[in-house]
Amino acid sequence: MRNGSFACIVRGGDIENADKAAGAAGAVIASPPTWRGGTGIWAIFIRDGIQHGLWEG
């Protein structure tokens, strides 16, 4: 198992579908899309030991 992280900016307001696609592909959803006070919508999923962060501003 590898350790690491990766952040991705989701453009076009599609963070909900990106998160669903990650789950369908076998990722563990660590934090579903959630509004984070004034910074936008964030989601985190884990796939193959790597944490992926999604952000929609």
PDB file of N, CA and C in Angstrom:
ATOM      1  N   MET A   1       0.829  -1.168   0.000  1.00  0.00           N
ATOM      2  CA  MET A   1       0.000   0.000   0.000  1.00  0.00           C
ATOM      3  C   MET A   1       0.884   1.247   0.000  1.00  0.00           C
ATOM      4  N   ARG A   2       0.554   2.205  -0.873  1.00  0.00           N
ATOM      5  CA  ARG A   2       1.303   3.445  -0.960  1.00  0.00           C
ATOM      6  C   ARG A   2       0.648   4.517  -0.097  1.00  0.00           C
ATOM      7  N   ASN A   3       1.459   5.441   0.369  1.00  0.00           N
ATOM      8  CA  ASN A   3       0.936   6.593   1.092  1.00  0.00           C
ATOM      9  C   ASN A   3       1.143   7.827   0.245  1.00  0.00           C
ATOM     10  N   GLY A   4       0.192   8.729   0.244  1.00  0.00           N
ATOM     11  CA  GLY A   4       0.331   9.952  -0.527  1.00  0.00           C
ATOM     12  C   GLY A   4      -0.994  10.654  -0.643  1.00  0.00           C
ATOM     13  N   SER A   5      -0.971  11.789  -1.306  1.00  0.00           N
ATOM     14  CA  SER A   5      -2.202  12.526  -1.504  1.00  0.00           C
ATOM     15  C   SER A   5      -2.165  13.229  -2.848  1.00  0.00           C
ATOM     16  N   PHE A   6      -3.327  13.611  -3.322  1.00  0.00           N
ATOM     17  CA  PHE A   6      -3.464  14.272  -4.605  1.00  0.00           C
ATOM     18  C   PHE A   6      -4.677  15.185  -4.532  1.00  0.00           C
ATOM     19  N   ALA A   7      -4.563  16.398  -5.013  1.00  0.00           N
ATOM     20  CA  ALA A   7      -5.691  17.332  -5.024  1.00  0.00           C
ATOM     21  C   ALA A   7      -6.084  17.631  -6.466  1.00  0.00           C
ATOM     22  N   CYS A   8      -7.361  17.797  -6.696  1.00  0.00           N
ATOM     23  CA  CYS A   8      -7.872  18.048  -8.031  1.00  0.00           C
ATOM     24  C   CYS A   8      -8.957  19.116  -7.961  1.00  0.00           C
ATOM     25  N   ILE A   9      -8.907  20.065  -8.868  1.00  0.00           N
ATOM     26  CA  ILE A   9      -9.955  21.074  -8.966  1.00  0.00           C
ATOM     27  C   ILE A   9     -10.966  20.587  -9.994  1.00  0.00           C
ATOM     28  N   VAL A  10     -12.233  20.532  -9.594  1.00  0.00           N
ATOM     29  CA  VAL A  10     -13.295  20.090 -10.496  1.00  0.00           C
ATOM     30  C   VAL A  10     -13.969  21.329 -11.075  1.00  0.00           C
ATOM     31  N   ARG A  11     -13.924  21.462 -12.379  1.00  0.00           N
ATOM     32  CA  ARG A  11     -14.528  22.624 -13.035  1.00  0.00           C
ATOM     33  C   ARG A  11     -15.877  22.256 -13.611  1.00  0.00           C
ATOM     34  N   GLY A  12     -16.719  23.248 -13.725  1.00  0.00           N
ATOM     35  CA  GLY A  12     -18.021  23.030 -14.351  1.00  0.00           C
ATOM     36  C   GLY A  12     -19.086  22.504 -13.405  1.00  0.00           C
ATOM     37  N   GLY A  13     -18.825  22.539 -12.098  1.00  0.00           N
ATOM     38  CA  GLY A  13     -19.842  22.154 -11.130  1.00  0.00           C
ATOM     39  C   GLY A  13     -20.213  20.688 -11.137  1.00  0.00           C
ATOM     40  N   ASP A  14     -19.243  19.809 -11.343  1.00  0.00           N
ATOM     41  CA  ASP A  14     -19.545  18.392 -11.461  1.00  0.00           C
ATOM     42  C   ASP A  14     -18.915  17.559 -10.345  1.00  0.00           C
ATOM     43  N   ILE A  15     -18.689  18.151  -9.189  1.00  0.00           N
ATOM     44  CA  ILE A  15     -18.040  17.421  -8.103  1.00  0.00           C
ATOM     45  C   ILE A  15     -18.888  16.247  -7.619  1.00  0.00           C
ATOM     46  N   GLU A  16     -20.214  16.389  -7.635  1.00  0.00           N
ATOM     47  CA  GLU A  16     -21.099  15.297  -7.194  1.00  0.00           C
ATOM     48  C   GLU A  16     -20.902  14.064  -8.076  1.00  0.00           C
ATOM     49  N   ASN A  17     -20.875  14.258  -9.397  1.00  0.00           N
ATOM     50  CA  ASN A  17     -20.690  13.127 -10.310  1.00  0.00           C
ATOM     51  C   ASN A  17     -19.278  12.562 -10.241  1.00  0.00           C
ATOM     52  N   ALA A  18     -18.282  13.425 -10.041  1.00  0.00           N
ATOM     53  CA  ALA A  18     -16.904  12.947  -9.910  1.00  0.00           C
ATOM     54  C   ALA A  18     -16.773  12.056  -8.681  1.00  0.00           C
ATOM     55  N   ASP A  19     -17.409  12.452  -7.583  1.00  0.00           N
ATOM     56  CA  ASP A  19     -17.364  11.669  -6.351  1.00  0.00           C
ATOM     57  C   ASP A  19     -18.095  10.337  -6.526  1.00  0.00           C
ATOM     58  N   LYS A  20     -19.244  10.359  -7.182  1.00  0.00           N
ATOM     59  CA  LYS A  20     -19.989   9.118  -7.443  1.00  0.00           C
ATOM     60  C   LYS A  20     -19.194   8.175  -8.330  1.00  0.00           C
ATOM     61  N   ALA A  21     -18.524   8.725  -9.341  1.00  0.00           N
ATOM     62  CA  ALA A  21     -17.716   7.899 -10.246  1.00  0.00           C
ATOM     63  C   ALA A  21     -16.549   7.261  -9.503  1.00  0.00           C
ATOM     64  N   ALA A  22     -15.935   8.017  -8.587  1.00  0.00           N
ATOM     65  CA  ALA A  22     -14.837   7.464  -7.791  1.00  0.00           C
ATOM     66  C   ALA A  22     -15.328   6.297  -6.943  1.00  0.00           C
ATOM     67  N   GLY A  23     -16.480   6.460  -6.303  1.00  0.00           N
ATOM     68  CA  GLY A  23     -17.053   5.376  -5.498  1.00  0.00           C
ATOM     69  C   GLY A  23     -17.395   4.159  -6.336  1.00  0.00           C
ATOM     70  N   ALA A  24     -17.952   4.387  -7.521  1.00  0.00           N
ATOM     71  CA  ALA A  24     -18.303   3.280  -8.415  1.00  0.00           C
ATOM     72  C   ALA A  24     -17.061   2.542  -8.907  1.00  0.00           C
ATOM     73  N   ALA A  25     -15.923   3.251  -8.945  1.00  0.00           N
ATOM     74  CA  ALA A  25     -14.673   2.635  -9.406  1.00  0.00           C
ATOM     75  C   ALA A  25     -13.925   1.934  -8.273  1.00  0.00           C
ATOM     76  N   GLY A  26     -14.522   1.916  -7.075  1.00  0.00           N
ATOM     77  CA  GLY A  26     -13.928   1.181  -5.969  1.00  0.00           C
ATOM     78  C   GLY A  26     -13.239   2.031  -4.916  1.00  0.00           C
ATOM     79  N   ALA A  27     -13.301   3.341  -5.043  1.00  0.00           N
ATOM     80  CA  ALA A  27     -12.683   4.202  -4.037  1.00  0.00           C
ATOM     81  C   ALA A  27     -13.536   4.230  -2.768  1.00  0.00           C
ATOM     82  N   VAL A  28     -12.886   4.480  -1.651  1.00  0.00           N
ATOM     83  CA  VAL A  28     -13.581   4.668  -0.384  1.00  0.00           C
ATOM     84  C   VAL A  28     -13.859   6.166  -0.246  1.00  0.00           C
ATOM     85  N   ILE A  29     -15.112   6.537  -0.051  1.00  0.00           N
ATOM     86  CA  ILE A  29     -15.465   7.939   0.117  1.00  0.00           C
ATOM     87  C   ILE A  29     -15.199   8.322   1.570  1.00  0.00           C
ATOM     88  N   ALA A  30     -14.148   9.114   1.795  1.00  0.00           N
ATOM     89  CA  ALA A  30     -13.781   9.515   3.148  1.00  0.00           C
ATOM     90  C   ALA A  30     -14.618  10.705   3.611  1.00  0.00           C
ATOM     91  N   SER A  31     -14.962  11.592   2.681  1.00  0.00           N
ATOM     92  CA  SER A  31     -15.796  12.750   2.991  1.00  0.00           C
ATOM     93  C   SER A  31     -16.584  13.099   1.730  1.00  0.00           C
ATOM     94  N   PRO A  32     -17.899  12.923   1.753  1.00  0.00           N
ATOM     95  CA  PRO A  32     -18.695  13.231   0.562  1.00  0.00           C
ATOM     96  C   PRO A  32     -18.677  14.739   0.287  1.00  0.00           C
ATOM     97  N   PRO A  33     -19.118  15.166  -0.898  1.00  0.00           N
ATOM     98  CA  PRO A  33     -19.130  16.589  -1.214  1.00  0.00           C
ATOM     99  C   PRO A  33     -19.849  17.395  -0.127  1.00  0.00           C
ATOM    100  N   THR A  34     -19.130  18.368   0.432  1.00  0.00           N
ATOM    101  CA  THR A  34     -19.625  19.164   1.545  1.00  0.00           C
ATOM    102  C   THR A  34     -19.215  20.612   1.370  1.00  0.00           C
ATOM    103  N   TRP A  35     -20.148  21.544   1.599  1.00  0.00           N
ATOM    104  CA  TRP A  35     -19.837  22.963   1.543  1.00  0.00           C
ATOM    105  C   TRP A  35     -18.973  23.316   2.750  1.00  0.00           C
ATOM    106  N   ARG A  36     -17.832  23.938   2.497  1.00  0.00           N
ATOM    107  CA  ARG A  36     -16.905  24.327   3.573  1.00  0.00           C
ATOM    108  C   ARG A  36     -16.835  25.851   3.631  1.00  0.00           C
ATOM    109  N   GLY A  37     -17.668  26.440   4.425  1.00  0.00           N
ATOM    110  CA  GLY A  37     -17.776  27.870   4.679  1.00  0.00           C
ATOM    111  C   GLY A  37     -16.964  28.835   3.842  1.00  0.00           C
ATOM    112  N   GLY A  38     -17.486  29.260   2.743  1.00  0.00           N
ATOM    113  CA  GLY A  38     -16.872  30.292   1.934  1.00  0.00           C
ATOM    114  C   GLY A  38     -15.745  29.850   1.025  1.00  0.00           C
ATOM    115  N   THR A  39     -15.296  28.610   1.145  1.00  0.00           N
ATOM    116  CA  THR A  39     -14.189  28.159   0.291  1.00  0.00           C
ATOM    117  C   THR A  39     -14.665  27.294  -0.863  1.00  0.00           C
ATOM    118  N   GLY A  40     -15.881  26.815  -0.806  1.00  0.00           N
ATOM    119  CA  GLY A  40     -16.405  25.979  -1.874  1.00  0.00           C
ATOM    120  C   GLY A  40     -16.826  24.612  -1.376  1.00  0.00           C
ATOM    121  N   ILE A  41     -16.972  23.702  -2.293  1.00  0.00           N
ATOM    122  CA  ILE A  41     -17.386  22.330  -1.981  1.00  0.00           C
ATOM    123  C   ILE A  41     -16.153  21.430  -2.060  1.00  0.00           C
ATOM    124  N   TRP A  42     -15.978  20.626  -1.045  1.00  0.00           N
ATOM    125  CA  TRP A  42     -14.829  19.713  -0.955  1.00  0.00           C
ATOM    126  C   TRP A  42     -15.313  18.274  -0.820  1.00  0.00           C
ATOM    127  N   ALA A  43     -14.547  17.347  -1.362  1.00  0.00           N
ATOM    128  CA  ALA A  43     -14.804  15.915  -1.194  1.00  0.00           C
ATOM    129  C   ALA A  43     -13.453  15.205  -1.130  1.00  0.00           C
ATOM    130  N   ILE A  44     -13.396  14.116  -0.400  1.00  0.00           N
ATOM    131  CA  ILE A  44     -12.163  13.336  -0.288  1.00  0.00           C
ATOM    132  C   ILE A  44     -12.499  11.865  -0.483  1.00  0.00           C
ATOM    133  N   PHE A  45     -11.718  11.193  -1.332  1.00  0.00           N
ATOM    134  CA  PHE A  45     -11.854   9.750  -1.459  1.00  0.00           C
ATOM    135  C   PHE A  45     -10.470   9.108  -1.462  1.00  0.00           C
ATOM    136  N   ILE A  46     -10.429   7.826  -1.141  1.00  0.00           N
ATOM    137  CA  ILE A  46      -9.163   7.088  -1.058  1.00  0.00           C
ATOM    138  C   ILE A  46      -9.220   5.934  -2.037  1.00  0.00           C
ATOM    139  N   ARG A  47      -8.197   5.842  -2.880  1.00  0.00           N
ATOM    140  CA  ARG A  47      -8.108   4.749  -3.854  1.00  0.00           C
ATOM    141  C   ARG A  47      -6.671   4.250  -3.879  1.00  0.00           C
ATOM    142  N   ASP A  48      -6.477   2.967  -3.685  1.00  0.00           N
ATOM    143  CA  ASP A  48      -5.138   2.349  -3.680  1.00  0.00           C
ATOM    144  C   ASP A  48      -4.195   3.030  -2.688  1.00  0.00           C
ATOM    145  N   GLY A  49      -4.731   3.434  -1.530  1.00  0.00           N
ATOM    146  CA  GLY A  49      -3.913   4.035  -0.492  1.00  0.00           C
ATOM    147  C   GLY A  49      -3.569   5.496  -0.716  1.00  0.00           C
ATOM    148  N   ILE A  50      -4.087   6.095  -1.774  1.00  0.00           N
ATOM    149  CA  ILE A  50      -3.817   7.502  -2.064  1.00  0.00           C
ATOM    150  C   ILE A  50      -5.067   8.318  -1.788  1.00  0.00           C
ATOM    151  N   GLN A  51      -4.921   9.393  -1.024  1.00  0.00           N
ATOM    152  CA  GLN A  51      -6.037  10.286  -0.721  1.00  0.00           C
ATOM    153  C   GLN A  51      -6.179  11.297  -1.859  1.00  0.00           C
ATOM    154  N   HIS A  52      -7.376  11.421  -2.381  1.00  0.00           N
ATOM    155  CA  HIS A  52      -7.670  12.358  -3.462  1.00  0.00           C
ATOM    156  C   HIS A  52      -8.639  13.403  -2.933  1.00  0.00           C
ATOM    157  N   GLY A  53      -8.295  14.662  -3.088  1.00  0.00           N
ATOM    158  CA  GLY A  53      -9.175  15.737  -2.662  1.00  0.00           C
ATOM    159  C   GLY A  53      -9.765  16.433  -3.874  1.00  0.00           C
ATOM    160  N   LEU A  54     -11.071  16.612  -3.875  1.00  0.00           N
ATOM    161  CA  LEU A  54     -11.750  17.334  -4.941  1.00  0.00           C
ATOM    162  C   LEU A  54     -12.236  18.669  -4.402  1.00  0.00           C
ATOM    163  N   TRP A  55     -12.101  19.709  -5.190  1.00  0.00           N
ATOM    164  CA  TRP A  55     -12.546  21.045  -4.786  1.00  0.00           C
ATOM    165  C   TRP A  55     -13.278  21.726  -5.918  1.00  0.00           C
ATOM    166  N   GLU A  56     -14.404  22.314  -5.601  1.00  0.00           N
ATOM    167  CA  GLU A  56     -15.178  23.106  -6.545  1.00  0.00           C
ATOM    168  C   GLU A  56     -15.424  24.457  -5.901  1.00  0.00           C
ATOM    169  N   GLY A  57     -14.864  25.522  -6.483  1.00  0.00           N
ATOM    170  CA  GLY A  57     -14.918  26.850  -5.855  1.00  0.00           C
ATOM    171  C   GLY A  57     -16.072  27.679  -6.250  1.00  0.00           C
TER     172      GLY A  57
END
